[in-house]
Amino acid sequence: MAPSARTLVFALLAGQLGCTDGIGPVDIVSRDSALRITNSSAAPIYYFAVERQSAASVDWGPCTNPSTCASVVAAHAVVQVPFSQIVGYEPGEREAILYWWHLIPSPGSGFQVDSIRARVLPL
């Protein structure tokens, strides 16, 4: 393989690995007193945002019913989560954790979480 072809293949693979998380690419940034969640995947994502120091004391579980989950980002959509909606957030806090997952049909009926991903974000 010529050097330029190898470089192209590496760039394509690195781009796929760098942008893909689970089923599809999800980008999360902290900007202008909000978390901006971009879901470029073909499936909705569900999330839970918590201030980092509060995370150890918060008892939560992932929502598994798509018809009742309030924290959702539709496929190919963007959602802004104001810092004030982050569990445990108070002005001056420095970091938050955003947990997110996809729901997949479970055997029988209902849905189950594929896996929970976590990302620490500066505020």
C-alpha atoms as a PDB file:
ATOM      1  CA  MET A   1       0.000   0.000   0.000  1.00  0.00           C
ATOM      2  CA  ALA A   2       1.403   3.411  -0.924  1.00  0.00           C
ATOM      3  CA  PRO A   3       2.120   5.844   1.944  1.00  0.00           C
ATOM      4  CA  SER A   4      -0.717   8.145   0.915  1.00  0.00           C
ATOM      5  CA  ALA A   5      -3.214   5.265   0.856  1.00  0.00           C
ATOM      6  CA  ARG A   6      -2.025   4.094   4.299  1.00  0.00           C
ATOM      7  CA  THR A   7      -2.429   7.610   5.629  1.00  0.00           C
ATOM      8  CA  LEU A   8      -5.960   7.799   4.236  1.00  0.00           C
ATOM      9  CA  VAL A   9      -6.958   4.434   5.732  1.00  0.00           C
ATOM     10  CA  PHE A  10      -5.510   5.442   9.131  1.00  0.00           C
ATOM     11  CA  ALA A  11      -7.325   8.790   9.031  1.00  0.00           C
ATOM     12  CA  LEU A  12     -10.629   7.105   8.199  1.00  0.00           C
ATOM     13  CA  LEU A  13     -10.236   4.532  10.984  1.00  0.00           C
ATOM     14  CA  ALA A  14      -9.140   7.153  13.507  1.00  0.00           C
ATOM     15  CA  GLY A  15     -12.104   9.315  12.562  1.00  0.00           C
ATOM     16  CA  GLN A  16     -14.507   6.425  13.071  1.00  0.00           C
ATOM     17  CA  LEU A  17     -13.000   5.442  16.415  1.00  0.00           C
ATOM     18  CA  GLY A  18     -12.681   9.005  17.650  1.00  0.00           C
ATOM     19  CA  CYS A  19     -16.247  10.039  16.853  1.00  0.00           C
ATOM     20  CA  THR A  20     -18.158   6.882  17.628  1.00  0.00           C
ATOM     21  CA  ASP A  21     -19.338   5.973  21.086  1.00  0.00           C
ATOM     22  CA  GLY A  22     -21.561   2.900  21.204  1.00  0.00           C
ATOM     23  CA  ILE A  23     -24.177   2.938  18.462  1.00  0.00           C
ATOM     24  CA  GLY A  24     -23.238   6.324  17.069  1.00  0.00           C
ATOM     25  CA  PRO A  25     -21.439   9.567  17.627  1.00  0.00           C
ATOM     26  CA  VAL A  26     -22.442  11.696  20.595  1.00  0.00           C
ATOM     27  CA  ASP A  27     -20.728  15.000  21.356  1.00  0.00           C
ATOM     28  CA  ILE A  28     -21.054  16.778  24.691  1.00  0.00           C
ATOM     29  CA  VAL A  29     -19.646  20.224  25.406  1.00  0.00           C
ATOM     30  CA  SER A  30     -20.058  22.729  28.209  1.00  0.00           C
ATOM     31  CA  ARG A  31     -20.726  26.221  26.908  1.00  0.00           C
ATOM     32  CA  ASP A  32     -22.672  29.325  27.932  1.00  0.00           C
ATOM     33  CA  SER A  33     -24.001  27.893  31.238  1.00  0.00           C
ATOM     34  CA  ALA A  34     -25.359  24.773  29.529  1.00  0.00           C
ATOM     35  CA  LEU A  35     -24.326  21.331  28.396  1.00  0.00           C
ATOM     36  CA  ARG A  36     -24.818  20.945  24.665  1.00  0.00           C
ATOM     37  CA  ILE A  37     -25.505  17.331  23.715  1.00  0.00           C
ATOM     38  CA  THR A  38     -25.346  16.489  20.020  1.00  0.00           C
ATOM     39  CA  ASN A  39     -26.640  13.082  19.019  1.00  0.00           C
ATOM     40  CA  SER A  40     -25.519  12.214  15.507  1.00  0.00           C
ATOM     41  CA  SER A  41     -26.612   8.607  15.820  1.00  0.00           C
ATOM     42  CA  ALA A  42     -29.672   7.008  14.277  1.00  0.00           C
ATOM     43  CA  ALA A  43     -31.174   6.206  17.703  1.00  0.00           C
ATOM     44  CA  PRO A  44     -32.268   8.437  20.585  1.00  0.00           C
ATOM     45  CA  ILE A  45     -30.034   8.688  23.637  1.00  0.00           C
ATOM     46  CA  TYR A  46     -31.176   9.052  27.217  1.00  0.00           C
ATOM     47  CA  TYR A  47     -29.125  10.868  29.844  1.00  0.00           C
ATOM     48  CA  PHE A  48     -28.690  11.882  33.469  1.00  0.00           C
ATOM     49  CA  ALA A  49     -26.572  14.890  34.469  1.00  0.00           C
ATOM     50  CA  VAL A  50     -25.216  15.302  38.004  1.00  0.00           C
ATOM     51  CA  GLU A  51     -22.705  17.643  39.635  1.00  0.00           C
ATOM     52  CA  ARG A  52     -19.521  15.625  40.127  1.00  0.00           C
ATOM     53  CA  GLN A  53     -19.190  15.924  43.936  1.00  0.00           C
ATOM     54  CA  SER A  54     -22.875  15.073  44.368  1.00  0.00           C
ATOM     55  CA  ALA A  55     -22.671  11.956  42.197  1.00  0.00           C
ATOM     56  CA  ALA A  56     -21.576   9.661  45.038  1.00  0.00           C
ATOM     57  CA  SER A  57     -24.589  10.541  47.159  1.00  0.00           C
ATOM     58  CA  VAL A  58     -27.279  10.514  44.468  1.00  0.00           C
ATOM     59  CA  ASP A  59     -29.327   7.329  44.146  1.00  0.00           C
ATOM     60  CA  TRP A  60     -30.492   7.070  40.551  1.00  0.00           C
ATOM     61  CA  GLY A  61     -31.132   4.473  37.904  1.00  0.00           C
ATOM     62  CA  PRO A  62     -31.429   4.829  34.144  1.00  0.00           C
ATOM     63  CA  CYS A  63     -34.867   5.383  32.694  1.00  0.00           C
ATOM     64  CA  THR A  64     -35.888   2.336  30.652  1.00  0.00           C
ATOM     65  CA  ASN A  65     -39.289   3.382  29.347  1.00  0.00           C
ATOM     66  CA  PRO A  66     -38.938   5.582  26.251  1.00  0.00           C
ATOM     67  CA  SER A  67     -42.490   6.896  26.654  1.00  0.00           C
ATOM     68  CA  THR A  68     -41.733   8.337  30.115  1.00  0.00           C
ATOM     69  CA  CYS A  69     -38.028   9.280  29.923  1.00  0.00           C
ATOM     70  CA  ALA A  70     -37.798  13.064  30.187  1.00  0.00           C
ATOM     71  CA  SER A  71     -34.060  13.354  29.490  1.00  0.00           C
ATOM     72  CA  VAL A  72     -33.768  12.328  25.863  1.00  0.00           C
ATOM     73  CA  VAL A  73     -31.963  13.549  22.762  1.00  0.00           C
ATOM     74  CA  ALA A  74     -33.677  12.385  19.590  1.00  0.00           C
ATOM     75  CA  ALA A  75     -31.694  10.860  16.743  1.00  0.00           C
ATOM     76  CA  HIS A  76     -29.767  13.521  14.812  1.00  0.00           C
ATOM     77  CA  ALA A  77     -30.749  16.243  17.296  1.00  0.00           C
ATOM     78  CA  VAL A  78     -29.157  18.705  19.719  1.00  0.00           C
ATOM     79  CA  VAL A  79     -30.304  19.493  23.263  1.00  0.00           C
ATOM     80  CA  GLN A  80     -29.137  22.238  25.627  1.00  0.00           C
ATOM     81  CA  VAL A  81     -29.193  21.309  29.311  1.00  0.00           C
ATOM     82  CA  PRO A  82     -28.904  24.443  31.480  1.00  0.00           C
ATOM     83  CA  PHE A  83     -26.534  24.051  34.432  1.00  0.00           C
ATOM     84  CA  SER A  84     -29.536  24.710  36.704  1.00  0.00           C
ATOM     85  CA  GLN A  85     -31.037  21.372  35.541  1.00  0.00           C
ATOM     86  CA  ILE A  86     -27.949  19.388  36.553  1.00  0.00           C
ATOM     87  CA  VAL A  87     -28.728  17.431  39.741  1.00  0.00           C
ATOM     88  CA  GLY A  88     -26.805  18.924  42.686  1.00  0.00           C
ATOM     89  CA  TYR A  89     -25.603  21.967  40.750  1.00  0.00           C
ATOM     90  CA  GLU A  90     -25.075  25.252  42.545  1.00  0.00           C
ATOM     91  CA  PRO A  91     -23.377  28.344  41.106  1.00  0.00           C
ATOM     92  CA  GLY A  92     -19.616  27.980  41.307  1.00  0.00           C
ATOM     93  CA  GLU A  93     -19.534  24.214  40.807  1.00  0.00           C
ATOM     94  CA  ARG A  94     -16.699  23.146  38.514  1.00  0.00           C
ATOM     95  CA  GLU A  95     -17.585  19.750  37.041  1.00  0.00           C
ATOM     96  CA  ALA A  96     -20.525  17.558  36.120  1.00  0.00           C
ATOM     97  CA  ILE A  97     -20.894  13.970  35.005  1.00  0.00           C
ATOM     98  CA  LEU A  98     -23.193  13.196  32.126  1.00  0.00           C
ATOM     99  CA  TYR A  99     -24.314   9.573  31.956  1.00  0.00           C
ATOM    100  CA  TRP A 100     -25.951   8.465  28.717  1.00  0.00           C
ATOM    101  CA  TRP A 101     -27.259   5.295  27.116  1.00  0.00           C
ATOM    102  CA  HIS A 102     -29.363   3.816  24.339  1.00  0.00           C
ATOM    103  CA  LEU A 103     -32.414   1.680  24.990  1.00  0.00           C
ATOM    104  CA  ILE A 104     -32.819  -1.603  23.152  1.00  0.00           C
ATOM    105  CA  PRO A 105     -35.840  -3.900  23.106  1.00  0.00           C
ATOM    106  CA  SER A 106     -35.528  -6.571  25.767  1.00  0.00           C
ATOM    107  CA  PRO A 107     -36.534 -10.168  25.209  1.00  0.00           C
ATOM    108  CA  GLY A 108     -40.225 -10.468  25.888  1.00  0.00           C
ATOM    109  CA  SER A 109     -41.319  -6.878  26.356  1.00  0.00           C
ATOM    110  CA  GLY A 110     -39.994  -3.516  27.402  1.00  0.00           C
ATOM    111  CA  PHE A 111     -36.535  -2.080  26.968  1.00  0.00           C
ATOM    112  CA  GLN A 112     -33.120  -2.406  28.530  1.00  0.00           C
ATOM    113  CA  VAL A 113     -30.033  -0.217  28.666  1.00  0.00           C
ATOM    114  CA  ASP A 114     -27.320  -1.210  26.172  1.00  0.00           C
ATOM    115  CA  SER A 115     -24.532   0.200  28.404  1.00  0.00           C
ATOM    116  CA  ILE A 116     -24.097   3.362  30.428  1.00  0.00           C
ATOM    117  CA  ARG A 117     -21.370   5.739  29.334  1.00  0.00           C
ATOM    118  CA  ALA A 118     -20.088   8.547  31.553  1.00  0.00           C
ATOM    119  CA  ARG A 119     -18.315  11.756  30.684  1.00  0.00           C
ATOM    120  CA  VAL A 120     -16.865  14.286  33.148  1.00  0.00           C
ATOM    121  CA  LEU A 121     -17.314  17.841  31.892  1.00  0.00           C
ATOM    122  CA  PRO A 122     -15.972  21.173  33.110  1.00  0.00           C
ATOM    123  CA  LEU A 123     -18.649  23.738  33.956  1.00  0.00           C
END
